[in-house]
N, C-alpha and C. Protein backbone atom coordinates (compact mmCIF):
# COMPACT_ATOMS: atom_id res chain seq x y z
N MET A 1 48.36 -9.00 9.96
CA MET A 1 48.40 -7.52 9.85
C MET A 1 49.54 -7.34 8.65
N LYS A 2 49.09 -8.70 7.61
CA LYS A 2 49.69 -8.19 6.07
C LYS A 2 49.11 -7.27 5.27
N GLY A 3 50.34 -6.73 4.62
CA GLY A 3 49.67 -5.60 4.10
C GLY A 3 49.23 -4.11 4.93
N MET A 4 49.67 -4.41 5.76
CA MET A 4 49.42 -3.01 7.05
C MET A 4 50.45 -1.72 6.91
N SER A 5 49.76 -0.73 6.63
CA SER A 5 51.06 0.19 6.47
C SER A 5 51.20 0.68 7.68
N SER A 6 52.20 1.74 7.93
CA SER A 6 52.40 2.06 9.36
C SER A 6 53.03 3.50 9.02
N LYS A 7 52.81 4.19 9.90
CA LYS A 7 53.39 5.57 10.08
C LYS A 7 54.08 5.87 11.95
N THR A 8 55.31 6.39 11.63
CA THR A 8 56.04 6.67 12.72
C THR A 8 55.43 8.16 13.22
N ILE A 9 54.89 8.04 14.59
CA ILE A 9 54.92 8.97 15.03
C ILE A 9 55.36 9.45 16.23
N GLY A 10 55.57 10.85 17.15
CA GLY A 10 56.28 10.64 18.09
C GLY A 10 55.52 11.38 19.49
N PHE A 11 55.65 10.97 20.42
CA PHE A 11 54.93 11.56 21.60
C PHE A 11 56.28 11.51 22.87
N ALA A 12 56.15 11.82 23.63
CA ALA A 12 56.74 12.58 24.98
C ALA A 12 56.56 11.64 25.87
N VAL A 13 57.50 11.15 26.87
CA VAL A 13 57.51 10.08 28.01
C VAL A 13 57.91 10.88 29.08
N ALA A 14 57.12 11.27 30.42
CA ALA A 14 58.31 11.36 31.41
C ALA A 14 59.47 10.50 32.02
N GLU A 15 60.52 11.44 32.30
CA GLU A 15 61.66 11.23 32.58
C GLU A 15 61.58 9.56 33.55
N GLU A 16 60.49 10.36 34.71
CA GLU A 16 60.17 9.16 35.59
C GLU A 16 59.55 7.66 35.04
N ASP A 17 58.61 8.06 34.01
CA ASP A 17 57.90 7.16 33.93
C ASP A 17 58.90 6.01 32.76
N LEU A 18 59.83 6.29 32.30
CA LEU A 18 60.93 5.41 31.30
C LEU A 18 60.91 4.22 31.76
N ASP A 19 61.15 3.83 33.21
CA ASP A 19 61.43 2.38 33.31
C ASP A 19 59.90 1.63 33.81
N ARG A 20 59.05 2.61 33.79
CA ARG A 20 57.90 1.85 33.69
C ARG A 20 57.20 1.65 32.28
N LEU A 21 57.81 2.22 31.50
CA LEU A 21 57.37 2.02 30.34
C LEU A 21 58.22 0.53 29.63
N GLY A 22 59.71 0.60 30.06
CA GLY A 22 60.56 -0.14 29.86
C GLY A 22 60.02 -1.70 30.52
N ARG A 23 59.58 -1.77 31.59
CA ARG A 23 59.08 -2.88 31.83
C ARG A 23 57.73 -3.67 31.43
N LEU A 24 57.26 -1.80 30.98
CA LEU A 24 55.46 -2.76 30.13
C LEU A 24 55.83 -3.12 29.54
N THR A 25 56.81 -2.53 28.80
CA THR A 25 56.83 -3.13 27.28
C THR A 25 57.75 -4.55 26.97
N GLU A 26 58.54 -4.53 28.02
CA GLU A 26 58.85 -5.88 27.67
C GLU A 26 57.89 -7.29 28.25
N LYS A 27 57.10 -7.13 29.35
CA LYS A 27 55.93 -7.87 29.52
C LYS A 27 54.92 -7.60 28.20
N PHE A 28 54.36 -6.76 28.03
CA PHE A 28 53.43 -6.89 26.57
C PHE A 28 53.62 -6.61 25.63
N GLY A 29 54.89 -6.43 25.58
CA GLY A 29 55.28 -5.83 23.88
C GLY A 29 56.47 -6.87 23.68
N LYS A 30 56.97 -7.62 24.30
CA LYS A 30 57.86 -8.46 24.62
C LYS A 30 59.10 -7.51 23.71
N GLY A 31 59.32 -6.39 24.69
CA GLY A 31 60.16 -5.31 23.97
C GLY A 31 60.16 -4.49 23.03
N ASN A 32 59.38 -4.69 22.31
CA ASN A 32 58.85 -3.92 20.90
C ASN A 32 57.66 -2.79 21.79
N ARG A 33 57.92 -1.24 21.48
CA ARG A 33 56.86 -0.34 22.19
C ARG A 33 55.85 -0.29 20.93
N SER A 34 56.31 -0.30 19.69
CA SER A 34 55.14 -0.57 18.56
C SER A 34 53.97 -1.62 19.31
N ALA A 35 54.65 -2.27 19.56
CA ALA A 35 53.44 -4.08 19.81
C ALA A 35 52.70 -3.48 20.98
N PHE A 36 53.77 -2.73 21.69
CA PHE A 36 52.67 -2.62 23.41
C PHE A 36 52.02 -1.81 23.12
N LEU A 37 51.99 -0.32 22.32
CA LEU A 37 51.01 0.29 22.28
C LEU A 37 49.65 -0.32 21.61
N ARG A 38 50.07 -1.40 20.49
CA ARG A 38 48.86 -1.86 19.95
C ARG A 38 48.48 -2.58 21.00
N GLU A 39 48.99 -3.60 21.94
CA GLU A 39 47.97 -4.23 23.05
C GLU A 39 47.76 -2.99 24.13
N ALA A 40 48.17 -2.21 24.02
CA ALA A 40 47.63 -1.08 25.45
C ALA A 40 46.44 -0.38 24.51
N MET A 41 46.18 -0.28 23.67
CA MET A 41 45.11 0.17 22.65
C MET A 41 43.80 -0.82 22.67
N ARG A 42 44.47 -2.05 22.38
CA ARG A 42 43.03 -3.08 22.50
C ARG A 42 42.05 -3.12 23.92
N GLN A 43 43.72 -2.78 24.76
CA GLN A 43 42.85 -3.02 26.37
C GLN A 43 42.31 -1.88 26.42
N MET A 44 42.55 -0.48 26.20
CA MET A 44 41.55 0.32 26.10
C MET A 44 40.23 0.34 25.59
N GLU A 45 40.02 -0.30 24.06
CA GLU A 45 39.37 -0.58 23.29
C GLU A 45 38.52 -1.19 24.53
N THR A 46 38.85 -2.26 24.78
CA THR A 46 38.06 -3.17 25.88
C THR A 46 37.52 -2.60 26.95
N LEU A 47 38.18 -1.68 27.50
CA LEU A 47 37.97 -1.09 28.83
C LEU A 47 36.69 -0.08 28.09
N GLU A 48 36.49 0.78 27.35
CA GLU A 48 35.12 1.32 26.30
C GLU A 48 34.83 0.95 26.42
N ARG A 49 34.55 -0.71 25.54
CA ARG A 49 33.57 -1.32 25.74
C ARG A 49 32.71 -1.88 26.80
N ALA A 50 33.36 -2.28 27.80
CA ALA A 50 32.81 -2.37 29.46
C ALA A 50 32.20 -1.38 30.08
N GLU A 51 32.69 0.41 29.51
CA GLU A 51 32.33 1.04 29.98
C GLU A 51 30.48 1.46 29.03
N ARG A 52 30.67 1.13 28.05
CA ARG A 52 29.24 1.64 27.13
C ARG A 52 28.36 0.26 27.92
N LEU A 53 29.25 -0.67 28.08
CA LEU A 53 27.83 -1.96 28.68
C LEU A 53 27.16 -1.24 30.06
N SER A 54 28.08 -0.94 30.83
CA SER A 54 28.01 -0.75 32.01
C SER A 54 26.70 0.37 32.07
N ALA A 55 26.99 1.28 31.22
CA ALA A 55 25.85 2.11 31.27
C ALA A 55 24.68 2.02 30.27
N LEU A 56 25.00 1.35 29.63
CA LEU A 56 23.35 0.45 28.82
C LEU A 56 22.78 -0.54 29.86
N GLN A 57 24.02 -1.23 30.74
CA GLN A 57 23.02 -1.88 31.90
C GLN A 57 22.42 -1.21 32.65
N ALA A 58 22.94 0.39 33.30
CA ALA A 58 22.23 1.07 34.25
C ALA A 58 20.67 1.83 33.96
N TYR A 59 21.10 2.19 32.26
CA TYR A 59 19.95 2.36 31.67
C TYR A 59 18.68 1.57 31.67
N GLY A 60 18.99 0.38 30.96
CA GLY A 60 17.61 -0.59 31.11
C GLY A 60 17.49 -0.77 32.55
N ALA A 61 18.47 -1.01 33.64
CA ALA A 61 17.70 -1.01 34.74
C ALA A 61 16.67 -0.03 35.27
N GLU A 62 17.39 1.50 35.01
CA GLU A 62 16.43 2.17 35.52
C GLU A 62 15.22 2.22 34.59
N ARG A 63 15.05 1.89 33.59
CA ARG A 63 13.38 2.05 32.51
C ARG A 63 12.82 0.99 33.26
N SER A 64 13.70 0.05 33.35
CA SER A 64 12.62 -1.57 34.26
C SER A 64 12.06 -0.96 35.19
N ALA A 65 12.81 -0.42 36.30
CA ALA A 65 12.30 0.16 37.64
C ALA A 65 11.29 1.21 37.64
N VAL A 66 11.47 1.94 36.49
CA VAL A 66 10.26 3.31 36.24
C VAL A 66 9.12 2.19 35.44
N ALA A 67 9.09 1.43 34.67
CA ALA A 67 8.02 0.23 34.65
C ALA A 67 7.76 -0.75 35.11
N GLY A 68 8.52 -0.95 36.63
CA GLY A 68 7.85 -1.75 37.18
C GLY A 68 8.38 -3.11 37.26
N LEU A 69 8.99 -3.58 36.07
CA LEU A 69 9.29 -4.85 35.83
C LEU A 69 10.93 -5.21 36.47
N THR A 70 10.86 -6.56 36.88
CA THR A 70 11.83 -7.26 37.95
C THR A 70 12.87 -7.81 36.86
N HIS A 71 13.94 -8.00 37.61
CA HIS A 71 14.85 -9.08 36.56
C HIS A 71 14.12 -10.48 36.07
N GLU A 72 12.99 -11.03 37.28
CA GLU A 72 12.56 -12.32 36.17
C GLU A 72 11.38 -12.18 35.48
N ASP A 73 10.79 -10.64 35.35
CA ASP A 73 10.30 -10.06 34.08
C ASP A 73 10.82 -10.35 33.05
N ALA A 74 12.26 -9.97 32.97
CA ALA A 74 13.21 -9.75 32.04
C ALA A 74 13.75 -10.97 31.56
N LEU A 75 13.82 -12.23 32.41
CA LEU A 75 14.10 -13.76 31.92
C LEU A 75 12.85 -14.03 31.51
N GLU A 76 12.07 -14.31 32.05
CA GLU A 76 10.32 -14.64 30.87
C GLU A 76 10.70 -14.07 29.70
N VAL A 77 11.04 -13.02 29.55
CA VAL A 77 10.90 -12.51 28.02
C VAL A 77 12.17 -13.11 27.15
N VAL A 78 12.95 -13.33 27.73
CA VAL A 78 14.38 -13.85 27.38
C VAL A 78 13.60 -15.16 26.86
N ARG A 79 13.38 -16.18 27.49
CA ARG A 79 12.83 -17.38 27.56
C ARG A 79 11.59 -17.31 26.57
N ARG A 80 11.08 -16.69 26.45
CA ARG A 80 9.66 -16.72 25.07
C ARG A 80 10.12 -16.74 23.74
N VAL A 81 11.05 -15.50 24.00
CA VAL A 81 12.13 -15.23 22.56
C VAL A 81 12.30 -16.52 21.85
N LEU A 82 13.27 -17.02 23.28
CA LEU A 82 14.26 -17.99 22.45
C LEU A 82 13.33 -19.08 22.23
N LYS A 83 12.14 -19.38 22.81
CA LYS A 83 11.39 -20.47 22.43
C LYS A 83 11.06 -20.03 20.95
N GLN A 84 10.47 -19.60 20.59
CA GLN A 84 10.14 -19.06 19.14
C GLN A 84 10.88 -19.28 18.45
N ARG A 85 12.54 -19.18 18.48
CA ARG A 85 13.44 -19.16 17.52
C ARG A 85 13.43 -20.83 17.36
N LEU A 86 13.36 -22.05 18.60
CA LEU A 86 13.33 -23.07 18.14
C LEU A 86 12.52 -24.15 17.28
């Protein structure tokens, strides 16, 4: 994170969530709320990518079903493309 500038921002946390924030900050941010927030954002981005992948897989499965293609058909295409690259 060399040369990274930062800006202080504020946000509210409900009083009943303070203990939870403290516990999670200790575990995932080593007591540093900024580090915790960076880790939380990384985790949320991972979740976002997984959700996009799931939607793409569902779309692909739907399109394959409409075209009458099976999982084996897809594997055969992959095998054929990989052989061409060797």
